[in-house]
PDB file of N, CA and C in Angstrom:
ATOM      1  N   UNK A   1     120.208  66.575 104.915  1.00  0.00           N
ATOM      2  CA  UNK A   1     120.522  67.961 105.175  1.00  0.00           C
ATOM      3  C   UNK A   1     121.075  68.077 106.600  1.00  0.00           C
ATOM      4  N   UNK A   2     122.216  68.628 106.786  1.00  0.00           N
ATOM      5  CA  UNK A   2     122.724  68.771 108.058  1.00  0.00           C
ATOM      6  C   UNK A   2     122.033  70.004 108.801  1.00  0.00           C
ATOM      7  N   UNK A   3     122.382  70.087 110.078  1.00  0.00           N
ATOM      8  CA  UNK A   3     121.629  71.096 110.928  1.00  0.00           C
ATOM      9  C   UNK A   3     122.022  72.551 110.515  1.00  0.00           C
ATOM     10  N   UNK A   4     123.237  72.816 109.993  1.00  0.00           N
ATOM     11  CA  UNK A   4     123.620  74.155 109.654  1.00  0.00           C
ATOM     12  C   UNK A   4     122.849  74.594 108.344  1.00  0.00           C
ATOM     13  N   UNK A   5     122.738  73.643 107.442  1.00  0.00           N
ATOM     14  CA  UNK A   5     121.963  73.958 106.218  1.00  0.00           C
ATOM     15  C   UNK A   5     120.485  74.157 106.530  1.00  0.00           C
ATOM     16  N   UNK A   6     119.929  73.372 107.463  1.00  0.00           N
ATOM     17  CA  UNK A   6     118.571  73.606 107.838  1.00  0.00           C
ATOM     18  C   UNK A   6     118.296  74.895 108.500  1.00  0.00           C
ATOM     19  N   UNK A   7     119.247  75.281 109.342  1.00  0.00           N
ATOM     20  CA  UNK A   7     119.127  76.594 110.043  1.00  0.00           C
ATOM     21  C   UNK A   7     119.272  77.765 109.020  1.00  0.00           C
ATOM     22  N   UNK A   8     120.169  77.635 108.098  1.00  0.00           N
ATOM     23  CA  UNK A   8     120.329  78.621 107.057  1.00  0.00           C
ATOM     24  C   UNK A   8     119.049  78.730 106.199  1.00  0.00           C
ATOM     25  N   UNK A   9     118.471  77.608 105.906  1.00  0.00           N
ATOM     26  CA  UNK A   9     117.193  77.597 105.131  1.00  0.00           C
ATOM     27  C   UNK A   9     116.077  78.280 105.910  1.00  0.00           C
ATOM     28  N   UNK A  10     116.025  78.035 107.243  1.00  0.00           N
ATOM     29  CA  UNK A  10     114.985  78.699 108.040  1.00  0.00           C
ATOM     30  C   UNK A  10     115.250  80.214 108.069  1.00  0.00           C
ATOM     31  N   UNK A  11     116.415  80.652 108.236  1.00  0.00           N
ATOM     32  CA  UNK A  11     116.746  82.108 108.277  1.00  0.00           C
ATOM     33  C   UNK A  11     116.350  82.714 106.956  1.00  0.00           C
ATOM     34  N   UNK A  12     116.676  82.140 105.807  1.00  0.00           N
ATOM     35  CA  UNK A  12     116.344  82.685 104.538  1.00  0.00           C
ATOM     36  C   UNK A  12     114.840  82.800 104.371  1.00  0.00           C
ATOM     37  N   UNK A  13     114.127  81.677 104.674  1.00  0.00           N
ATOM     38  CA  UNK A  13     112.672  81.734 104.490  1.00  0.00           C
ATOM     39  C   UNK A  13     112.004  82.753 105.438  1.00  0.00           C
ATOM     40  N   UNK A  14     112.506  82.855 106.653  1.00  0.00           N
ATOM     41  CA  UNK A  14     111.946  83.863 107.564  1.00  0.00           C
ATOM     42  C   UNK A  14     112.149  85.299 107.050  1.00  0.00           C
ATOM     43  N   UNK A  15     113.313  85.541 106.434  1.00  0.00           N
ATOM     44  CA  UNK A  15     113.527  86.872 105.932  1.00  0.00           C
ATOM     45  C   UNK A  15     112.659  87.155 104.693  1.00  0.00           C
ATOM     46  N   UNK A  16     112.372  86.132 103.885  1.00  0.00           N
ATOM     47  CA  UNK A  16     111.513  86.307 102.741  1.00  0.00           C
ATOM     48  C   UNK A  16     110.094  86.736 103.147  1.00  0.00           C
ATOM     49  N   UNK A  17     109.609  86.008 104.172  1.00  0.00           N
ATOM     50  CA  UNK A  17     108.223  86.206 104.594  1.00  0.00           C
ATOM     51  C   UNK A  17     108.050  87.297 105.683  1.00  0.00           C
ATOM     52  N   UNK A  18     109.124  87.788 106.209  1.00  0.00           N
ATOM     53  CA  UNK A  18     109.101  88.774 107.320  1.00  0.00           C
ATOM     54  C   UNK A  18     109.015  88.088 108.662  1.00  0.00           C
ATOM     55  N   UNK A  19     108.994  86.791 108.724  1.00  0.00           N
ATOM     56  CA  UNK A  19     108.992  86.106 110.014  1.00  0.00           C
ATOM     57  C   UNK A  19     107.798  86.117 110.817  1.00  0.00           C
ATOM     58  N   UNK A  20     106.684  86.762 110.310  1.00  0.00           N
ATOM     59  CA  UNK A  20     105.485  86.864 111.042  1.00  0.00           C
ATOM     60  C   UNK A  20     104.400  86.105 110.371  1.00  0.00           C
ATOM     61  N   UNK A  21     103.626  85.285 111.121  1.00  0.00           N
ATOM     62  CA  UNK A  21     102.637  84.489 110.504  1.00  0.00           C
ATOM     63  C   UNK A  21     101.538  85.339 109.908  1.00  0.00           C
ATOM     64  N   UNK A  22     101.160  86.451 110.613  1.00  0.00           N
ATOM     65  CA  UNK A  22     100.067  87.271 110.166  1.00  0.00           C
ATOM     66  C   UNK A  22     100.438  87.894 108.776  1.00  0.00           C
ATOM     67  N   UNK A  23     101.648  88.401 108.634  1.00  0.00           N
ATOM     68  CA  UNK A  23     102.074  88.934 107.342  1.00  0.00           C
ATOM     69  C   UNK A  23     102.108  87.903 106.282  1.00  0.00           C
ATOM     70  N   UNK A  24     102.444  86.674 106.645  1.00  0.00           N
ATOM     71  CA  UNK A  24     102.526  85.541 105.668  1.00  0.00           C
ATOM     72  C   UNK A  24     101.117  85.207 105.194  1.00  0.00           C
ATOM     73  N   UNK A  25     100.114  85.275 106.077  1.00  0.00           N
ATOM     74  CA  UNK A  25      98.747  85.009 105.719  1.00  0.00           C
ATOM     75  C   UNK A  25      98.222  86.133 104.755  1.00  0.00           C
ATOM     76  N   UNK A  26      98.534  87.347 105.062  1.00  0.00           N
ATOM     77  CA  UNK A  26      98.139  88.467 104.243  1.00  0.00           C
ATOM     78  C   UNK A  26      98.744  88.323 102.813  1.00  0.00           C
ATOM     79  N   UNK A  27     100.050  87.903 102.747  1.00  0.00           N
ATOM     80  CA  UNK A  27     100.688  87.762 101.471  1.00  0.00           C
ATOM     81  C   UNK A  27     100.031  86.591 100.699  1.00  0.00           C
ATOM     82  N   UNK A  28      99.718  85.510 101.411  1.00  0.00           N
ATOM     83  CA  UNK A  28      99.054  84.404 100.751  1.00  0.00           C
ATOM     84  C   UNK A  28      97.682  84.788 100.177  1.00  0.00           C
ATOM     85  N   UNK A  29      96.940  85.524 100.976  1.00  0.00           N
ATOM     86  CA  UNK A  29      95.584  85.955 100.464  1.00  0.00           C
ATOM     87  C   UNK A  29      95.752  86.889  99.236  1.00  0.00           C
ATOM     88  N   UNK A  30      96.711  87.762  99.267  1.00  0.00           N
ATOM     89  CA  UNK A  30      96.915  88.604  98.079  1.00  0.00           C
ATOM     90  C   UNK A  30      97.396  87.800  96.890  1.00  0.00           C
ATOM     91  N   UNK A  31      98.257  86.808  97.088  1.00  0.00           N
ATOM     92  CA  UNK A  31      98.693  85.967  95.975  1.00  0.00           C
ATOM     93  C   UNK A  31      97.547  85.095  95.431  1.00  0.00           C
ATOM     94  N   UNK A  32      96.621  84.627  96.271  1.00  0.00           N
ATOM     95  CA  UNK A  32      95.486  83.829  95.830  1.00  0.00           C
ATOM     96  C   UNK A  32      94.566  84.690  94.970  1.00  0.00           C
ATOM     97  N   UNK A  33      94.385  85.983  95.332  1.00  0.00           N
ATOM     98  CA  UNK A  33      93.618  86.902  94.443  1.00  0.00           C
ATOM     99  C   UNK A  33      94.298  87.110  93.102  1.00  0.00           C
ATOM    100  N   UNK A  34      95.615  87.209  93.148  1.00  0.00           N
ATOM    101  CA  UNK A  34      96.387  87.348  91.943  1.00  0.00           C
ATOM    102  C   UNK A  34      96.312  86.122  91.050  1.00  0.00           C
ATOM    103  N   UNK A  35      96.377  84.981  91.719  1.00  0.00           N
ATOM    104  CA  UNK A  35      96.223  83.739  90.927  1.00  0.00           C
ATOM    105  C   UNK A  35      94.846  83.636  90.250  1.00  0.00           C
ATOM    106  N   UNK A  36      93.813  84.040  90.922  1.00  0.00           N
ATOM    107  CA  UNK A  36      92.464  84.053  90.329  1.00  0.00           C
ATOM    108  C   UNK A  36      92.437  84.972  89.097  1.00  0.00           C
ATOM    109  N   UNK A  37      93.042  86.184  89.206  1.00  0.00           N
ATOM    110  CA  UNK A  37      93.067  87.072  88.036  1.00  0.00           C
ATOM    111  C   UNK A  37      93.924  86.503  86.918  1.00  0.00           C
ATOM    112  N   UNK A  38      94.997  85.825  87.229  1.00  0.00           N
ATOM    113  CA  UNK A  38      95.872  85.271  86.173  1.00  0.00           C
ATOM    114  C   UNK A  38      95.155  84.088  85.482  1.00  0.00           C
ATOM    115  N   UNK A  39      94.364  83.377  86.184  1.00  0.00           N
ATOM    116  CA  UNK A  39      93.555  82.304  85.539  1.00  0.00           C
ATOM    117  C   UNK A  39      92.546  82.907  84.595  1.00  0.00           C
ATOM    118  N   UNK A  40      91.936  84.035  85.003  1.00  0.00           N
ATOM    119  CA  UNK A  40      90.975  84.765  84.110  1.00  0.00           C
ATOM    120  C   UNK A  40      91.716  85.240  82.857  1.00  0.00           C
ATOM    121  N   UNK A  41      92.922  85.776  83.043  1.00  0.00           N
ATOM    122  CA  UNK A  41      93.700  86.257  81.920  1.00  0.00           C
ATOM    123  C   UNK A  41      94.035  85.129  80.949  1.00  0.00           C
ATOM    124  N   UNK A  42      94.363  83.970  81.499  1.00  0.00           N
ATOM    125  CA  UNK A  42      94.712  82.791  80.588  1.00  0.00           C
ATOM    126  C   UNK A  42      93.420  82.340  79.869  1.00  0.00           C
ATOM    127  N   UNK A  43      92.309  82.318  80.554  1.00  0.00           N
ATOM    128  CA  UNK A  43      91.043  81.884  79.889  1.00  0.00           C
ATOM    129  C   UNK A  43      90.501  82.854  78.863  1.00  0.00           C
ATOM    130  N   UNK A  44      90.528  84.179  79.143  1.00  0.00           N
ATOM    131  CA  UNK A  44      89.984  85.214  78.350  1.00  0.00           C
ATOM    132  C   UNK A  44      91.021  86.289  78.030  1.00  0.00           C
ATOM    133  N   UNK A  45      92.018  85.981  77.209  1.00  0.00           N
ATOM    134  CA  UNK A  45      93.126  86.930  76.977  1.00  0.00           C
ATOM    135  C   UNK A  45      92.612  88.196  76.285  1.00  0.00           C
ATOM    136  N   UNK A  46      91.736  88.076  75.324  1.00  0.00           N
ATOM    137  CA  UNK A  46      91.322  89.245  74.556  1.00  0.00           C
ATOM    138  C   UNK A  46      90.541  90.213  75.460  1.00  0.00           C
ATOM    139  N   UNK A  47      89.704  89.631  76.282  1.00  0.00           N
ATOM    140  CA  UNK A  47      88.905  90.516  77.189  1.00  0.00           C
ATOM    141  C   UNK A  47      89.817  91.173  78.234  1.00  0.00           C
ATOM    142  N   UNK A  48      90.823  90.491  78.695  1.00  0.00           N
ATOM    143  CA  UNK A  48      91.666  91.028  79.719  1.00  0.00           C
ATOM    144  C   UNK A  48      92.623  92.095  79.095  1.00  0.00           C
ATOM    145  N   UNK A  49      92.975  91.932  77.832  1.00  0.00           N
ATOM    146  CA  UNK A  49      93.812  92.920  77.173  1.00  0.00           C
ATOM    147  C   UNK A  49      93.066  94.234  77.064  1.00  0.00           C
ATOM    148  N   UNK A  50      91.825  94.184  76.678  1.00  0.00           N
ATOM    149  CA  UNK A  50      90.998  95.342  76.412  1.00  0.00           C
ATOM    150  C   UNK A  50      90.262  95.903  77.689  1.00  0.00           C
ATOM    151  N   UNK A  51      90.498  95.250  78.805  1.00  0.00           N
ATOM    152  CA  UNK A  51      89.763  95.621  80.086  1.00  0.00           C
ATOM    153  C   UNK A  51      90.061  97.105  80.348  1.00  0.00           C
ATOM    154  N   UNK A  52      88.962  97.877  80.439  1.00  0.00           N
ATOM    155  CA  UNK A  52      89.074  99.240  80.761  1.00  0.00           C
ATOM    156  C   UNK A  52      89.466 100.179  79.578  1.00  0.00           C
ATOM    157  N   UNK A  53      89.642  99.547  78.409  1.00  0.00           N
ATOM    158  CA  UNK A  53      90.018 100.365  77.270  1.00  0.00           C
ATOM    159  C   UNK A  53      88.934 100.450  76.198  1.00  0.00           C
ATOM    160  N   UNK A  54      87.896  99.713  76.278  1.00  0.00           N
ATOM    161  CA  UNK A  54      86.844  99.692  75.213  1.00  0.00           C
ATOM    162  C   UNK A  54      86.143 101.014  75.036  1.00  0.00           C
ATOM    163  N   UNK A  55      85.934 101.714  76.162  1.00  0.00           N
ATOM    164  CA  UNK A  55      85.175 102.960  76.070  1.00  0.00           C
ATOM    165  C   UNK A  55      85.925 104.060  75.279  1.00  0.00           C
ATOM    166  N   UNK A  56      87.190 103.875  75.036  1.00  0.00           N
ATOM    167  CA  UNK A  56      87.917 104.895  74.328  1.00  0.00           C
ATOM    168  C   UNK A  56      87.700 104.812  72.789  1.00  0.00           C
ATOM    169  N   UNK A  57      87.163 103.742  72.294  1.00  0.00           N
ATOM    170  CA  UNK A  57      87.080 103.511  70.810  1.00  0.00           C
ATOM    171  C   UNK A  57      85.647 103.251  70.412  1.00  0.00           C
ATOM    172  N   UNK A  58      85.296 103.671  69.181  1.00  0.00           N
ATOM    173  CA  UNK A  58      83.912 103.472  68.709  1.00  0.00           C
ATOM    174  C   UNK A  58      83.794 102.054  68.108  1.00  0.00           C
ATOM    175  N   UNK A  59      84.771 101.580  67.381  1.00  0.00           N
ATOM    176  CA  UNK A  59      84.624 100.265  66.685  1.00  0.00           C
ATOM    177  C   UNK A  59      85.095  99.153  67.628  1.00  0.00           C
ATOM    178  N   UNK A  60      84.762  97.943  67.205  1.00  0.00           N
ATOM    179  CA  UNK A  60      85.235  96.795  67.927  1.00  0.00           C
ATOM    180  C   UNK A  60      86.760  96.571  67.668  1.00  0.00           C
ATOM    181  N   UNK A  61      87.485  96.396  68.720  1.00  0.00           N
ATOM    182  CA  UNK A  61      88.925  96.228  68.552  1.00  0.00           C
ATOM    183  C   UNK A  61      89.268  94.798  68.805  1.00  0.00           C
ATOM    184  N   UNK A  62      90.243  94.305  68.094  1.00  0.00           N
ATOM    185  CA  UNK A  62      90.763  92.979  68.176  1.00  0.00           C
ATOM    186  C   UNK A  62      92.282  93.107  68.406  1.00  0.00           C
ATOM    187  N   UNK A  63      92.771  92.551  69.532  1.00  0.00           N
ATOM    188  CA  UNK A  63      94.265  92.495  69.671  1.00  0.00           C
ATOM    189  C   UNK A  63      94.848  91.525  68.757  1.00  0.00           C
ATOM    190  N   UNK A  64      96.099  91.710  68.386  1.00  0.00           N
ATOM    191  CA  UNK A  64      96.797  90.841  67.455  1.00  0.00           C
ATOM    192  C   UNK A  64      97.006  89.442  68.146  1.00  0.00           C
ATOM    193  N   UNK A  65      97.217  88.426  67.285  1.00  0.00           N
ATOM    194  CA  UNK A  65      97.430  87.124  67.817  1.00  0.00           C
ATOM    195  C   UNK A  65      98.725  87.016  68.638  1.00  0.00           C
ATOM    196  N   UNK A  66      99.768  87.747  68.196  1.00  0.00           N
ATOM    197  CA  UNK A  66     101.017  87.750  68.956  1.00  0.00           C
ATOM    198  C   UNK A  66     100.817  88.372  70.331  1.00  0.00           C
ATOM    199  N   UNK A  67      99.988  89.399  70.455  1.00  0.00           N
ATOM    200  CA  UNK A  67      99.721  89.994  71.790  1.00  0.00           C
ATOM    201  C   UNK A  67      98.920  89.007  72.645  1.00  0.00           C
ATOM    202  N   UNK A  68      98.006  88.339  72.074  1.00  0.00           N
ATOM    203  CA  UNK A  68      97.233  87.346  72.803  1.00  0.00           C
ATOM    204  C   UNK A  68      98.150  86.252  73.328  1.00  0.00           C
ATOM    205  N   UNK A  69      99.021  85.783  72.454  1.00  0.00           N
ATOM    206  CA  UNK A  69      99.949  84.682  72.833  1.00  0.00           C
ATOM    207  C   UNK A  69     100.864  85.148  73.901  1.00  0.00           C
ATOM    208  N   UNK A  70     101.413  86.391  73.795  1.00  0.00           N
ATOM    209  CA  UNK A  70     102.339  86.931  74.792  1.00  0.00           C
ATOM    210  C   UNK A  70     101.587  87.078  76.130  1.00  0.00           C
ATOM    211  N   UNK A  71     100.319  87.502  76.099  1.00  0.00           N
ATOM    212  CA  UNK A  71      99.546  87.672  77.335  1.00  0.00           C
ATOM    213  C   UNK A  71      99.382  86.324  78.063  1.00  0.00           C
ATOM    214  N   UNK A  72      99.047  85.267  77.255  1.00  0.00           N
ATOM    215  CA  UNK A  72      98.899  83.951  77.820  1.00  0.00           C
ATOM    216  C   UNK A  72     100.189  83.428  78.424  1.00  0.00           C
ATOM    217  N   UNK A  73     101.338  83.627  77.722  1.00  0.00           N
ATOM    218  CA  UNK A  73     102.592  83.120  78.243  1.00  0.00           C
ATOM    219  C   UNK A  73     102.982  83.842  79.527  1.00  0.00           C
ATOM    220  N   UNK A  74     102.844  85.182  79.519  1.00  0.00           N
ATOM    221  CA  UNK A  74     103.231  85.911  80.740  1.00  0.00           C
ATOM    222  C   UNK A  74     102.303  85.574  81.937  1.00  0.00           C
ATOM    223  N   UNK A  75     101.009  85.307  81.664  1.00  0.00           N
ATOM    224  CA  UNK A  75     100.100  84.853  82.727  1.00  0.00           C
ATOM    225  C   UNK A  75     100.583  83.527  83.320  1.00  0.00           C
ATOM    226  N   UNK A  76     100.987  82.599  82.434  1.00  0.00           N
ATOM    227  CA  UNK A  76     101.516  81.301  82.949  1.00  0.00           C
ATOM    228  C   UNK A  76     102.756  81.442  83.741  1.00  0.00           C
ATOM    229  N   UNK A  77     103.641  82.297  83.306  1.00  0.00           N
ATOM    230  CA  UNK A  77     104.916  82.508  84.038  1.00  0.00           C
ATOM    231  C   UNK A  77     104.649  83.141  85.429  1.00  0.00           C
ATOM    232  N   UNK A  78     103.763  84.150  85.441  1.00  0.00           N
ATOM    233  CA  UNK A  78     103.417  84.786  86.735  1.00  0.00           C
ATOM    234  C   UNK A  78     102.719  83.801  87.649  1.00  0.00           C
ATOM    235  N   UNK A  79     101.840  82.956  87.047  1.00  0.00           N
ATOM    236  CA  UNK A  79     101.157  81.978  87.824  1.00  0.00           C
ATOM    237  C   UNK A  79     102.125  81.012  88.488  1.00  0.00           C
ATOM    238  N   UNK A  80     103.117  80.584  87.750  1.00  0.00           N
ATOM    239  CA  UNK A  80     104.128  79.678  88.338  1.00  0.00           C
ATOM    240  C   UNK A  80     104.867  80.421  89.460  1.00  0.00           C
ATOM    241  N   UNK A  81     105.255  81.660  89.260  1.00  0.00           N
ATOM    242  CA  UNK A  81     105.973  82.397  90.285  1.00  0.00           C
ATOM    243  C   UNK A  81     105.132  82.540  91.554  1.00  0.00           C
ATOM    244  N   UNK A  82     103.837  82.812  91.381  1.00  0.00           N
ATOM    245  CA  UNK A  82     102.921  82.965  92.545  1.00  0.00           C
ATOM    246  C   UNK A  82     102.818  81.625  93.310  1.00  0.00           C
ATOM    247  N   UNK A  83     102.676  80.564  92.606  1.00  0.00           N
ATOM    248  CA  UNK A  83     102.559  79.229  93.219  1.00  0.00           C
ATOM    249  C   UNK A  83     103.851  78.892  93.968  1.00  0.00           C
ATOM    250  N   UNK A  84     104.995  79.146  93.377  1.00  0.00           N
ATOM    251  CA  UNK A  84     106.229  78.858  94.017  1.00  0.00           C
ATOM    252  C   UNK A  84     106.426  79.734  95.327  1.00  0.00           C
ATOM    253  N   UNK A  85     105.940  80.978  95.222  1.00  0.00           N
ATOM    254  CA  UNK A  85     106.046  81.822  96.387  1.00  0.00           C
ATOM    255  C   UNK A  85     105.117  81.351  97.491  1.00  0.00           C
ATOM    256  N   UNK A  86     103.924  80.924  97.166  1.00  0.00           N
ATOM    257  CA  UNK A  86     103.062  80.391  98.185  1.00  0.00           C
ATOM    258  C   UNK A  86     103.634  79.156  98.809  1.00  0.00           C
ATOM    259  N   UNK A  87     104.183  78.272  98.056  1.00  0.00           N
ATOM    260  CA  UNK A  87     104.857  77.086  98.596  1.00  0.00           C
ATOM    261  C   UNK A  87     105.943  77.477  99.472  1.00  0.00           C
ATOM    262  N   UNK A  88     106.759  78.418  99.137  1.00  0.00           N
ATOM    263  CA  UNK A  88     107.894  78.876  99.956  1.00  0.00           C
ATOM    264  C   UNK A  88     107.393  79.419 101.304  1.00  0.00           C
ATOM    265  N   UNK A  89     106.396  80.263 101.262  1.00  0.00           N
ATOM    266  CA  UNK A  89     105.802  80.834 102.492  1.00  0.00           C
ATOM    267  C   UNK A  89     105.260  79.714 103.358  1.00  0.00           C
ATOM    268  N   UNK A  90     104.556  78.753 102.811  1.00  0.00           N
ATOM    269  CA  UNK A  90     103.970  77.688 103.596  1.00  0.00           C
ATOM    270  C   UNK A  90     105.085  76.840 104.274  1.00  0.00           C
ATOM    271  N   UNK A  91     106.163  76.633 103.516  1.00  0.00           N
ATOM    272  CA  UNK A  91     107.303  75.865 104.057  1.00  0.00           C
ATOM    273  C   UNK A  91     107.947  76.606 105.177  1.00  0.00           C
ATOM    274  N   UNK A  92     108.037  77.934 105.064  1.00  0.00           N
ATOM    275  CA  UNK A  92     108.670  78.766 106.102  1.00  0.00           C
ATOM    276  C   UNK A  92     107.802  78.779 107.396  1.00  0.00           C
ATOM    277  N   UNK A  93     106.448  78.678 107.230  1.00  0.00           N
ATOM    278  CA  UNK A  93     105.585  78.663 108.384  1.00  0.00           C
ATOM    279  C   UNK A  93     105.731  77.300 109.050  1.00  0.00           C
ATOM    280  N   UNK A  94     105.851  76.248 108.324  1.00  0.00           N
ATOM    281  CA  UNK A  94     105.973  74.916 108.926  1.00  0.00           C
ATOM    282  C   UNK A  94     107.228  74.665 109.582  1.00  0.00           C
ATOM    283  N   UNK A  95     108.334  75.227 109.021  1.00  0.00           N
ATOM    284  CA  UNK A  95     109.676  74.968 109.585  1.00  0.00           C
ATOM    285  C   UNK A  95     109.866  75.798 110.815  1.00  0.00           C
TER     286      UNK A  95
END
């Protein structure tokens, strides 16, 4: 990578993270909490779908299998996005 490309990469990464280490750390902490929740959603999709909704109904509710599958897939996609974002922020701090 030549020096112009490296400088352009630094500028882009600084703009993504705000250029401040403190704000980058806050973003990373928030993303780590989000990752923990997404892992919970992947492990217990039925419970996470009905979270906060059970009190509304008298009988036991079961979400459909397609809804459970969709929830798992979306949790995996968001988990990947969070991990890529954390890696990008860490690279911007190092550079």
